Amino acid sequence: MMAEINKGYAMALFSLCDEENCTEITYNELLMLKKIFEENSEYTQIISSPLISKKERIQLLTKMLGSNFSNYTSSVVLLLCENNQIQGFFECVDEYEKLYSQKIKLSCASVISAFELSDEEKEKIRSKLEAQTGGSVMLDCSVDKSLLGGITVEIGGKVYDGSLKRRLREIKKVIDE
């Protein structure tokens, strides 16, 4: 239930920002605010504490937000606090991020390789994935030596396994038959 409420806040904010052509600004502000909250967990606990009056929590938030954030970002954070939903802020940001990524056709690809990829190799992978998806692709690269060689790529719920480990499993399967 809580996740649906936070999704609703994110969708409403995104819709408004889309109409006002400020989705990118709001996206960047939300990420900045998320980082602030993550780095100051004690502050997040204070503004979500039922032991502190709602009025005091809103005053603290208003002071912290100041003029550093747009009215849209400030308003949604204050509304979350007002409705005792501030603990759902992170889910709200995650949902907004999904909507923003869809709008700009940004996909995130998880690339796992047996060895560290060079910048040139990463760029080749990114280019091929962008050609395939028709949008921008952000790579999240990691190393897993158990692959033995090759790479696996996960993007848009699809997994492309070009690892030596998979090929060896297939050969073993054929031999065992």
C-alpha atoms as a PDB file:
ATOM      1  CA  MET A   1       0.000   0.000   0.000  1.00  0.00           C
ATOM      2  CA  MET A   2       2.797   2.406   0.974  1.00  0.00           C
ATOM      3  CA  ALA A   3       4.660   1.759  -2.278  1.00  0.00           C
ATOM      4  CA  GLU A   4       1.541   2.627  -4.295  1.00  0.00           C
ATOM      5  CA  ILE A   5       1.132   5.889  -2.398  1.00  0.00           C
ATOM      6  CA  ASN A   6       4.760   6.849  -3.048  1.00  0.00           C
ATOM      7  CA  LYS A   7       4.385   5.854  -6.685  1.00  0.00           C
ATOM      8  CA  GLY A   8       1.372   8.167  -6.868  1.00  0.00           C
ATOM      9  CA  TYR A   9       3.370  11.099  -5.501  1.00  0.00           C
ATOM     10  CA  ALA A  10       6.137  10.439  -8.035  1.00  0.00           C
ATOM     11  CA  MET A  11       3.713  10.131 -10.934  1.00  0.00           C
ATOM     12  CA  ALA A  12       1.900  13.326  -9.992  1.00  0.00           C
ATOM     13  CA  LEU A  13       5.175  15.216  -9.628  1.00  0.00           C
ATOM     14  CA  PHE A  14       6.505  13.858 -12.907  1.00  0.00           C
ATOM     15  CA  SER A  15       3.302  14.715 -14.750  1.00  0.00           C
ATOM     16  CA  LEU A  16       3.383  18.279 -13.445  1.00  0.00           C
ATOM     17  CA  CYS A  17       7.073  18.695 -14.230  1.00  0.00           C
ATOM     18  CA  ASP A  18       6.566  17.228 -17.699  1.00  0.00           C
ATOM     19  CA  GLU A  19       3.884  19.857 -18.400  1.00  0.00           C
ATOM     20  CA  GLU A  20       6.211  22.593 -17.115  1.00  0.00           C
ATOM     21  CA  ASN A  21       9.291  21.225 -18.963  1.00  0.00           C
ATOM     22  CA  CYS A  22      11.336  20.821 -15.804  1.00  0.00           C
ATOM     23  CA  THR A  23      11.618  17.035 -15.459  1.00  0.00           C
ATOM     24  CA  GLU A  24      15.420  17.091 -15.665  1.00  0.00           C
ATOM     25  CA  ILE A  25      15.834  19.860 -13.090  1.00  0.00           C
ATOM     26  CA  THR A  26      13.510  18.091 -10.668  1.00  0.00           C
ATOM     27  CA  TYR A  27      15.256  14.765 -11.313  1.00  0.00           C
ATOM     28  CA  ASN A  28      18.646  16.287 -10.440  1.00  0.00           C
ATOM     29  CA  GLU A  29      17.230  17.991  -7.354  1.00  0.00           C
ATOM     30  CA  LEU A  30      15.621  14.781  -6.129  1.00  0.00           C
ATOM     31  CA  LEU A  31      18.907  12.913  -6.543  1.00  0.00           C
ATOM     32  CA  MET A  32      20.744  15.672  -4.667  1.00  0.00           C
ATOM     33  CA  LEU A  33      18.196  15.588  -1.851  1.00  0.00           C
ATOM     34  CA  LYS A  34      18.322  11.791  -1.736  1.00  0.00           C
ATOM     35  CA  LYS A  35      22.088  11.980  -1.302  1.00  0.00           C
ATOM     36  CA  ILE A  36      21.710  14.561   1.482  1.00  0.00           C
ATOM     37  CA  PHE A  37      19.228  12.320   3.301  1.00  0.00           C
ATOM     38  CA  GLU A  38      21.430   9.238   2.849  1.00  0.00           C
ATOM     39  CA  GLU A  39      24.486  11.051   4.199  1.00  0.00           C
ATOM     40  CA  ASN A  40      22.532  12.482   7.150  1.00  0.00           C
ATOM     41  CA  SER A  41      20.422   9.569   8.349  1.00  0.00           C
ATOM     42  CA  GLU A  42      19.945  11.170  11.776  1.00  0.00           C
ATOM     43  CA  TYR A  43      18.220  14.125  10.096  1.00  0.00           C
ATOM     44  CA  THR A  44      15.944  11.751   8.197  1.00  0.00           C
ATOM     45  CA  GLN A  45      15.051  10.048  11.480  1.00  0.00           C
ATOM     46  CA  ILE A  46      14.196  13.401  13.052  1.00  0.00           C
ATOM     47  CA  ILE A  47      11.911  14.542  10.241  1.00  0.00           C
ATOM     48  CA  SER A  48      10.080  11.209  10.265  1.00  0.00           C
ATOM     49  CA  SER A  49       9.834  10.877  14.052  1.00  0.00           C
ATOM     50  CA  PRO A  50       6.308  10.849  15.490  1.00  0.00           C
ATOM     51  CA  LEU A  51       7.846  12.176  18.733  1.00  0.00           C
ATOM     52  CA  ILE A  52       8.373  15.557  17.066  1.00  0.00           C
ATOM     53  CA  SER A  53       5.318  17.570  16.125  1.00  0.00           C
ATOM     54  CA  LYS A  54       4.402  17.738  12.476  1.00  0.00           C
ATOM     55  CA  LYS A  55       4.711  21.519  12.609  1.00  0.00           C
ATOM     56  CA  GLU A  56       8.314  21.294  13.889  1.00  0.00           C
ATOM     57  CA  ARG A  57       9.247  18.674  11.280  1.00  0.00           C
ATOM     58  CA  ILE A  58       7.852  20.845   8.493  1.00  0.00           C
ATOM     59  CA  GLN A  59       9.725  23.869   9.855  1.00  0.00           C
ATOM     60  CA  LEU A  60      12.986  21.877   9.908  1.00  0.00           C
ATOM     61  CA  LEU A  61      12.436  20.696   6.352  1.00  0.00           C
ATOM     62  CA  THR A  62      11.457  24.159   5.124  1.00  0.00           C
ATOM     63  CA  LYS A  63      14.606  25.623   6.643  1.00  0.00           C
ATOM     64  CA  MET A  64      16.781  22.867   5.152  1.00  0.00           C
ATOM     65  CA  LEU A  65      15.224  23.158   1.681  1.00  0.00           C
ATOM     66  CA  GLY A  66      15.402  26.957   1.735  1.00  0.00           C
ATOM     67  CA  SER A  67      15.801  28.367  -1.740  1.00  0.00           C
ATOM     68  CA  ASN A  68      18.132  25.546  -2.790  1.00  0.00           C
ATOM     69  CA  PHE A  69      15.364  23.571  -4.489  1.00  0.00           C
ATOM     70  CA  SER A  70      12.561  24.396  -6.906  1.00  0.00           C
ATOM     71  CA  ASN A  71       9.000  24.814  -5.698  1.00  0.00           C
ATOM     72  CA  TYR A  72       8.083  21.426  -7.187  1.00  0.00           C
ATOM     73  CA  THR A  73      10.782  19.513  -5.318  1.00  0.00           C
ATOM     74  CA  SER A  74      10.217  21.401  -2.073  1.00  0.00           C
ATOM     75  CA  SER A  75       6.444  21.024  -2.312  1.00  0.00           C
ATOM     76  CA  VAL A  76       6.494  17.260  -2.774  1.00  0.00           C
ATOM     77  CA  VAL A  77       8.933  16.760   0.111  1.00  0.00           C
ATOM     78  CA  LEU A  78       6.859  18.980   2.389  1.00  0.00           C
ATOM     79  CA  LEU A  79       3.680  17.198   1.267  1.00  0.00           C
ATOM     80  CA  LEU A  80       5.246  13.830   2.097  1.00  0.00           C
ATOM     81  CA  CYS A  81       6.107  15.163   5.555  1.00  0.00           C
ATOM     82  CA  GLU A  82       2.680  16.747   6.002  1.00  0.00           C
ATOM     83  CA  ASN A  83       1.007  13.422   5.221  1.00  0.00           C
ATOM     84  CA  ASN A  84       3.397  11.396   7.397  1.00  0.00           C
ATOM     85  CA  GLN A  85       4.889   9.736   4.310  1.00  0.00           C
ATOM     86  CA  ILE A  86       8.437  11.152   4.419  1.00  0.00           C
ATOM     87  CA  GLN A  87       9.887   7.671   5.013  1.00  0.00           C
ATOM     88  CA  GLY A  88       8.672   6.871   1.479  1.00  0.00           C
ATOM     89  CA  PHE A  89      10.794   9.626  -0.054  1.00  0.00           C
ATOM     90  CA  PHE A  90      13.389   7.181  -1.397  1.00  0.00           C
ATOM     91  CA  GLU A  91      10.717   5.052  -3.117  1.00  0.00           C
ATOM     92  CA  CYS A  92       9.237   8.231  -4.560  1.00  0.00           C
ATOM     93  CA  VAL A  93      12.635   9.238  -5.996  1.00  0.00           C
ATOM     94  CA  ASP A  94      13.188   5.754  -7.422  1.00  0.00           C
ATOM     95  CA  GLU A  95       9.813   5.861  -9.175  1.00  0.00           C
ATOM     96  CA  TYR A  96      10.461   9.377 -10.523  1.00  0.00           C
ATOM     97  CA  GLU A  97      13.815   8.134 -11.806  1.00  0.00           C
ATOM     98  CA  LYS A  98      12.084   5.302 -13.694  1.00  0.00           C
ATOM     99  CA  LEU A  99       9.628   7.722 -15.278  1.00  0.00           C
ATOM    100  CA  TYR A 100      12.409  10.140 -16.211  1.00  0.00           C
ATOM    101  CA  SER A 101      14.516   7.352 -17.706  1.00  0.00           C
ATOM    102  CA  GLN A 102      11.571   6.235 -19.824  1.00  0.00           C
ATOM    103  CA  LYS A 103      11.011   9.786 -21.029  1.00  0.00           C
ATOM    104  CA  ILE A 104      14.585  10.269 -22.188  1.00  0.00           C
ATOM    105  CA  LYS A 105      14.850   6.645 -23.325  1.00  0.00           C
ATOM    106  CA  LEU A 106      17.678   5.916 -20.908  1.00  0.00           C
ATOM    107  CA  SER A 107      18.355   2.279 -20.178  1.00  0.00           C
ATOM    108  CA  CYS A 108      20.713   0.884 -17.607  1.00  0.00           C
ATOM    109  CA  ALA A 109      22.691  -2.161 -18.656  1.00  0.00           C
ATOM    110  CA  SER A 110      24.453  -4.420 -16.205  1.00  0.00           C
ATOM    111  CA  VAL A 111      27.650  -5.682 -17.827  1.00  0.00           C
ATOM    112  CA  ILE A 112      29.607  -8.437 -16.107  1.00  0.00           C
ATOM    113  CA  SER A 113      32.934  -9.443 -17.566  1.00  0.00           C
ATOM    114  CA  ALA A 114      35.647 -11.895 -16.617  1.00  0.00           C
ATOM    115  CA  PHE A 115      38.207  -9.075 -16.628  1.00  0.00           C
ATOM    116  CA  GLU A 116      38.138  -5.290 -16.291  1.00  0.00           C
ATOM    117  CA  LEU A 117      36.905  -3.712 -19.536  1.00  0.00           C
ATOM    118  CA  SER A 118      38.835  -0.884 -21.163  1.00  0.00           C
ATOM    119  CA  ASP A 119      37.099   2.413 -21.871  1.00  0.00           C
ATOM    120  CA  GLU A 120      37.170   1.541 -25.577  1.00  0.00           C
ATOM    121  CA  GLU A 121      35.457  -1.822 -24.936  1.00  0.00           C
ATOM    122  CA  LYS A 122      32.829  -0.161 -22.766  1.00  0.00           C
ATOM    123  CA  GLU A 123      32.143   2.403 -25.473  1.00  0.00           C
ATOM    124  CA  LYS A 124      31.730  -0.341 -28.116  1.00  0.00           C
ATOM    125  CA  ILE A 125      29.258  -2.172 -25.872  1.00  0.00           C
ATOM    126  CA  ARG A 126      27.367   1.048 -25.149  1.00  0.00           C
ATOM    127  CA  SER A 127      27.173   1.916 -28.863  1.00  0.00           C
ATOM    128  CA  LYS A 128      25.828  -1.512 -29.802  1.00  0.00           C
ATOM    129  CA  LEU A 129      23.242  -1.415 -27.023  1.00  0.00           C
ATOM    130  CA  GLU A 130      22.166   2.113 -27.975  1.00  0.00           C
ATOM    131  CA  ALA A 131      21.725   1.005 -31.585  1.00  0.00           C
ATOM    132  CA  GLN A 132      19.674  -1.966 -30.374  1.00  0.00           C
ATOM    133  CA  THR A 133      17.472  -0.005 -27.936  1.00  0.00           C
ATOM    134  CA  GLY A 134      17.175   3.247 -29.873  1.00  0.00           C
ATOM    135  CA  GLY A 135      17.983   5.249 -26.743  1.00  0.00           C
ATOM    136  CA  SER A 136      20.790   6.175 -24.414  1.00  0.00           C
ATOM    137  CA  VAL A 137      22.399   3.448 -22.343  1.00  0.00           C
ATOM    138  CA  MET A 138      24.210   3.788 -19.052  1.00  0.00           C
ATOM    139  CA  LEU A 139      26.571   0.929 -18.211  1.00  0.00           C
ATOM    140  CA  ASP A 140      27.033  -0.578 -14.772  1.00  0.00           C
ATOM    141  CA  CYS A 141      30.170  -2.682 -15.186  1.00  0.00           C
ATOM    142  CA  SER A 142      31.525  -5.283 -12.793  1.00  0.00           C
ATOM    143  CA  VAL A 143      33.989  -8.167 -12.861  1.00  0.00           C
ATOM    144  CA  ASP A 144      33.242 -11.832 -12.139  1.00  0.00           C
ATOM    145  CA  LYS A 145      36.306 -14.005 -12.720  1.00  0.00           C
ATOM    146  CA  SER A 146      34.156 -17.159 -12.599  1.00  0.00           C
ATOM    147  CA  LEU A 147      32.927 -16.304 -16.122  1.00  0.00           C
ATOM    148  CA  LEU A 148      36.414 -17.349 -17.315  1.00  0.00           C
ATOM    149  CA  GLY A 149      36.059 -15.154 -20.409  1.00  0.00           C
ATOM    150  CA  GLY A 150      33.489 -13.106 -22.321  1.00  0.00           C
ATOM    151  CA  ILE A 151      30.666 -11.015 -20.866  1.00  0.00           C
ATOM    152  CA  THR A 152      27.035 -11.135 -19.788  1.00  0.00           C
ATOM    153  CA  VAL A 153      24.746  -8.175 -20.343  1.00  0.00           C
ATOM    154  CA  GLU A 154      21.379  -7.585 -18.708  1.00  0.00           C
ATOM    155  CA  ILE A 155      19.250  -4.781 -20.142  1.00  0.00           C
ATOM    156  CA  GLY A 156      15.520  -4.260 -20.133  1.00  0.00           C
ATOM    157  CA  GLY A 157      14.874  -7.583 -18.423  1.00  0.00           C
ATOM    158  CA  LYS A 158      16.796  -9.539 -21.066  1.00  0.00           C
ATOM    159  CA  VAL A 159      20.062 -11.348 -20.390  1.00  0.00           C
ATOM    160  CA  TYR A 160      22.660 -11.884 -23.084  1.00  0.00           C
ATOM    161  CA  ASP A 161      25.207 -14.425 -21.919  1.00  0.00           C
ATOM    162  CA  GLY A 162      28.365 -14.497 -24.017  1.00  0.00           C
ATOM    163  CA  SER A 163      30.530 -15.957 -21.301  1.00  0.00           C
ATOM    164  CA  LEU A 164      32.991 -18.794 -21.707  1.00  0.00           C
ATOM    165  CA  LYS A 165      31.428 -20.382 -18.628  1.00  0.00           C
ATOM    166  CA  ARG A 166      28.050 -20.667 -20.451  1.00  0.00           C
ATOM    167  CA  ARG A 167      29.685 -22.065 -23.577  1.00  0.00           C
ATOM    168  CA  LEU A 168      31.508 -24.714 -21.536  1.00  0.00           C
ATOM    169  CA  ARG A 169      28.212 -25.680 -19.850  1.00  0.00           C
ATOM    170  CA  GLU A 170      26.615 -26.089 -23.281  1.00  0.00           C
ATOM    171  CA  ILE A 171      29.496 -28.269 -24.495  1.00  0.00           C
ATOM    172  CA  LYS A 172      29.241 -30.395 -21.346  1.00  0.00           C
ATOM    173  CA  LYS A 173      25.503 -30.769 -21.892  1.00  0.00           C
ATOM    174  CA  VAL A 174      26.049 -31.997 -25.465  1.00  0.00           C
ATOM    175  CA  ILE A 175      28.750 -34.447 -24.321  1.00  0.00           C
ATOM    176  CA  ASP A 176      26.539 -35.783 -21.513  1.00  0.00           C
ATOM    177  CA  GLU A 177      23.643 -36.538 -23.912  1.00  0.00           C
END
